[in-house]
C-alpha atoms as a PDB file:
ATOM      1  CA  UNK A   1      18.425  58.526 180.712  1.00  0.00           C
ATOM      2  CA  UNK A   2      16.032  58.334 177.810  1.00  0.00           C
ATOM      3  CA  UNK A   3      16.859  60.164 174.613  1.00  0.00           C
ATOM      4  CA  UNK A   4      13.198  60.118 173.602  1.00  0.00           C
ATOM      5  CA  UNK A   5      12.057  63.698 173.252  1.00  0.00           C
ATOM      6  CA  UNK A   6      10.244  65.663 174.331  1.00  0.00           C
ATOM      7  CA  UNK A   7      10.784  65.384 178.066  1.00  0.00           C
ATOM      8  CA  UNK A   8      11.151  67.955 180.849  1.00  0.00           C
ATOM      9  CA  UNK A   9      14.040  69.322 182.873  1.00  0.00           C
ATOM     10  CA  UNK A  10      13.691  70.890 186.306  1.00  0.00           C
ATOM     11  CA  UNK A  11      16.650  73.176 186.928  1.00  0.00           C
ATOM     12  CA  UNK A  12      17.195  74.017 190.595  1.00  0.00           C
ATOM     13  CA  UNK A  13      19.867  76.608 191.376  1.00  0.00           C
ATOM     14  CA  UNK A  14      20.658  77.672 194.925  1.00  0.00           C
ATOM     15  CA  UNK A  15      23.083  79.172 197.388  1.00  0.00           C
ATOM     16  CA  UNK A  16      23.383  77.795 200.904  1.00  0.00           C
ATOM     17  CA  UNK A  17      23.393  79.467 204.287  1.00  0.00           C
ATOM     18  CA  UNK A  18      26.254  78.984 206.722  1.00  0.00           C
ATOM     19  CA  UNK A  19      24.074  76.416 208.545  1.00  0.00           C
ATOM     20  CA  UNK A  20      24.096  73.619 205.967  1.00  0.00           C
ATOM     21  CA  UNK A  21      24.406  70.807 208.525  1.00  0.00           C
ATOM     22  CA  UNK A  22      22.501  67.803 207.212  1.00  0.00           C
ATOM     23  CA  UNK A  23      22.053  69.254 203.730  1.00  0.00           C
ATOM     24  CA  UNK A  24      24.275  66.731 201.913  1.00  0.00           C
ATOM     25  CA  UNK A  25      22.540  63.781 203.544  1.00  0.00           C
ATOM     26  CA  UNK A  26      19.098  65.168 202.678  1.00  0.00           C
ATOM     27  CA  UNK A  27      20.162  65.861 199.070  1.00  0.00           C
ATOM     28  CA  UNK A  28      21.332  62.251 198.703  1.00  0.00           C
ATOM     29  CA  UNK A  29      18.095  60.996 200.246  1.00  0.00           C
ATOM     30  CA  UNK A  30      16.017  63.128 197.846  1.00  0.00           C
ATOM     31  CA  UNK A  31      18.032  61.929 194.850  1.00  0.00           C
ATOM     32  CA  UNK A  32      17.451  58.293 195.817  1.00  0.00           C
ATOM     33  CA  UNK A  33      13.754  58.956 196.401  1.00  0.00           C
ATOM     34  CA  UNK A  34      13.354  60.834 193.103  1.00  0.00           C
ATOM     35  CA  UNK A  35      14.825  57.845 191.256  1.00  0.00           C
ATOM     36  CA  UNK A  36      11.874  55.759 192.492  1.00  0.00           C
ATOM     37  CA  UNK A  37       9.198  58.210 191.273  1.00  0.00           C
ATOM     38  CA  UNK A  38       7.117  57.428 188.181  1.00  0.00           C
ATOM     39  CA  UNK A  39       8.305  59.466 185.213  1.00  0.00           C
ATOM     40  CA  UNK A  40      11.802  60.126 186.583  1.00  0.00           C
ATOM     41  CA  UNK A  41      14.414  59.960 183.813  1.00  0.00           C
ATOM     42  CA  UNK A  42      17.700  61.167 185.296  1.00  0.00           C
ATOM     43  CA  UNK A  43      19.662  63.544 187.491  1.00  0.00           C
ATOM     44  CA  UNK A  44      22.753  65.787 187.249  1.00  0.00           C
ATOM     45  CA  UNK A  45      24.187  67.975 189.995  1.00  0.00           C
ATOM     46  CA  UNK A  46      27.143  70.275 190.681  1.00  0.00           C
ATOM     47  CA  UNK A  47      27.858  72.335 193.783  1.00  0.00           C
ATOM     48  CA  UNK A  48      30.312  75.124 194.445  1.00  0.00           C
ATOM     49  CA  UNK A  49      29.356  78.741 195.191  1.00  0.00           C
ATOM     50  CA  UNK A  50      26.079  78.114 193.382  1.00  0.00           C
ATOM     51  CA  UNK A  51      24.509  74.686 193.387  1.00  0.00           C
ATOM     52  CA  UNK A  52      22.889  73.467 190.189  1.00  0.00           C
ATOM     53  CA  UNK A  53      20.759  70.354 190.082  1.00  0.00           C
ATOM     54  CA  UNK A  54      18.894  69.253 186.975  1.00  0.00           C
ATOM     55  CA  UNK A  55      16.366  66.447 187.148  1.00  0.00           C
ATOM     56  CA  UNK A  56      14.671  65.007 184.088  1.00  0.00           C
ATOM     57  CA  UNK A  57      11.057  63.906 183.921  1.00  0.00           C
ATOM     58  CA  UNK A  58       8.761  62.283 181.389  1.00  0.00           C
ATOM     59  CA  UNK A  59       5.754  64.581 181.956  1.00  0.00           C
ATOM     60  CA  UNK A  60       4.694  67.760 183.726  1.00  0.00           C
ATOM     61  CA  UNK A  61       2.427  65.588 185.896  1.00  0.00           C
ATOM     62  CA  UNK A  62       5.496  63.588 187.012  1.00  0.00           C
ATOM     63  CA  UNK A  63       7.101  66.867 188.111  1.00  0.00           C
ATOM     64  CA  UNK A  64       3.974  67.996 189.980  1.00  0.00           C
ATOM     65  CA  UNK A  65       3.698  64.614 191.719  1.00  0.00           C
ATOM     66  CA  UNK A  66       7.363  64.840 192.796  1.00  0.00           C
ATOM     67  CA  UNK A  67       6.858  68.377 194.133  1.00  0.00           C
ATOM     68  CA  UNK A  68       3.870  67.128 196.176  1.00  0.00           C
ATOM     69  CA  UNK A  69       5.611  63.984 197.495  1.00  0.00           C
ATOM     70  CA  UNK A  70       5.519  64.095 201.313  1.00  0.00           C
ATOM     71  CA  UNK A  71       9.231  63.520 202.035  1.00  0.00           C
ATOM     72  CA  UNK A  72      10.179  65.966 199.294  1.00  0.00           C
ATOM     73  CA  UNK A  73       7.841  68.588 200.798  1.00  0.00           C
ATOM     74  CA  UNK A  74       9.572  68.108 204.157  1.00  0.00           C
ATOM     75  CA  UNK A  75      12.979  68.623 202.485  1.00  0.00           C
ATOM     76  CA  UNK A  76      11.682  71.765 200.734  1.00  0.00           C
ATOM     77  CA  UNK A  77      10.467  73.237 204.027  1.00  0.00           C
ATOM     78  CA  UNK A  78      13.745  72.359 205.776  1.00  0.00           C
ATOM     79  CA  UNK A  79      15.646  74.018 202.929  1.00  0.00           C
ATOM     80  CA  UNK A  80      13.642  77.220 203.246  1.00  0.00           C
ATOM     81  CA  UNK A  81      13.991  77.269 207.042  1.00  0.00           C
ATOM     82  CA  UNK A  82      17.656  76.297 207.356  1.00  0.00           C
ATOM     83  CA  UNK A  83      19.736  75.730 204.236  1.00  0.00           C
ATOM     84  CA  UNK A  84      18.992  78.139 201.409  1.00  0.00           C
ATOM     85  CA  UNK A  85      19.927  81.800 201.140  1.00  0.00           C
ATOM     86  CA  UNK A  86      18.308  81.803 197.722  1.00  0.00           C
ATOM     87  CA  UNK A  87      16.969  79.395 195.139  1.00  0.00           C
ATOM     88  CA  UNK A  88      15.279  79.403 191.764  1.00  0.00           C
ATOM     89  CA  UNK A  89      13.400  76.640 189.946  1.00  0.00           C
ATOM     90  CA  UNK A  90      13.002  76.527 186.170  1.00  0.00           C
ATOM     91  CA  UNK A  91      10.960  73.936 184.316  1.00  0.00           C
ATOM     92  CA  UNK A  92      11.896  73.470 180.673  1.00  0.00           C
ATOM     93  CA  UNK A  93      10.704  71.299 177.841  1.00  0.00           C
ATOM     94  CA  UNK A  94      13.567  69.451 176.146  1.00  0.00           C
ATOM     95  CA  UNK A  95      12.820  69.146 172.454  1.00  0.00           C
ATOM     96  CA  UNK A  96      16.249  68.063 171.284  1.00  0.00           C
ATOM     97  CA  UNK A  97      19.140  66.403 173.074  1.00  0.00           C
ATOM     98  CA  UNK A  98      22.519  65.098 171.997  1.00  0.00           C
ATOM     99  CA  UNK A  99      25.802  64.252 173.653  1.00  0.00           C
ATOM    100  CA  UNK A 100      29.395  63.254 173.062  1.00  0.00           C
ATOM    101  CA  UNK A 101      31.434  60.581 174.762  1.00  0.00           C
ATOM    102  CA  UNK A 102      35.095  60.032 173.952  1.00  0.00           C
ATOM    103  CA  UNK A 103      34.752  56.376 174.931  1.00  0.00           C
ATOM    104  CA  UNK A 104      31.782  55.834 172.603  1.00  0.00           C
ATOM    105  CA  UNK A 105      33.545  57.595 169.704  1.00  0.00           C
ATOM    106  CA  UNK A 106      36.502  55.202 169.943  1.00  0.00           C
ATOM    107  CA  UNK A 107      34.329  52.161 169.224  1.00  0.00           C
END
């Protein structure tokens, strides 16, 4: 992922219904599709009681185009109908970013 700032983060938090059949496969499909979208920078996800997925984008237009992408719209509708009890989307501007890696610090 690019360290060039600023860029944008879409934070998607959710809880699933009992009927989550097919959810994992669709999530993987959407991740692979997002990676092909112009302006996509990266992806992080964790799931337990609450799922948290953060995707990173170059511009707000990139985010809007992803939201409007046909297969993604289908997945959104399926999520609302079948998979999600609740979800929230937050779009944030990243103005500073830094990280640590034990492996990199040993070099």
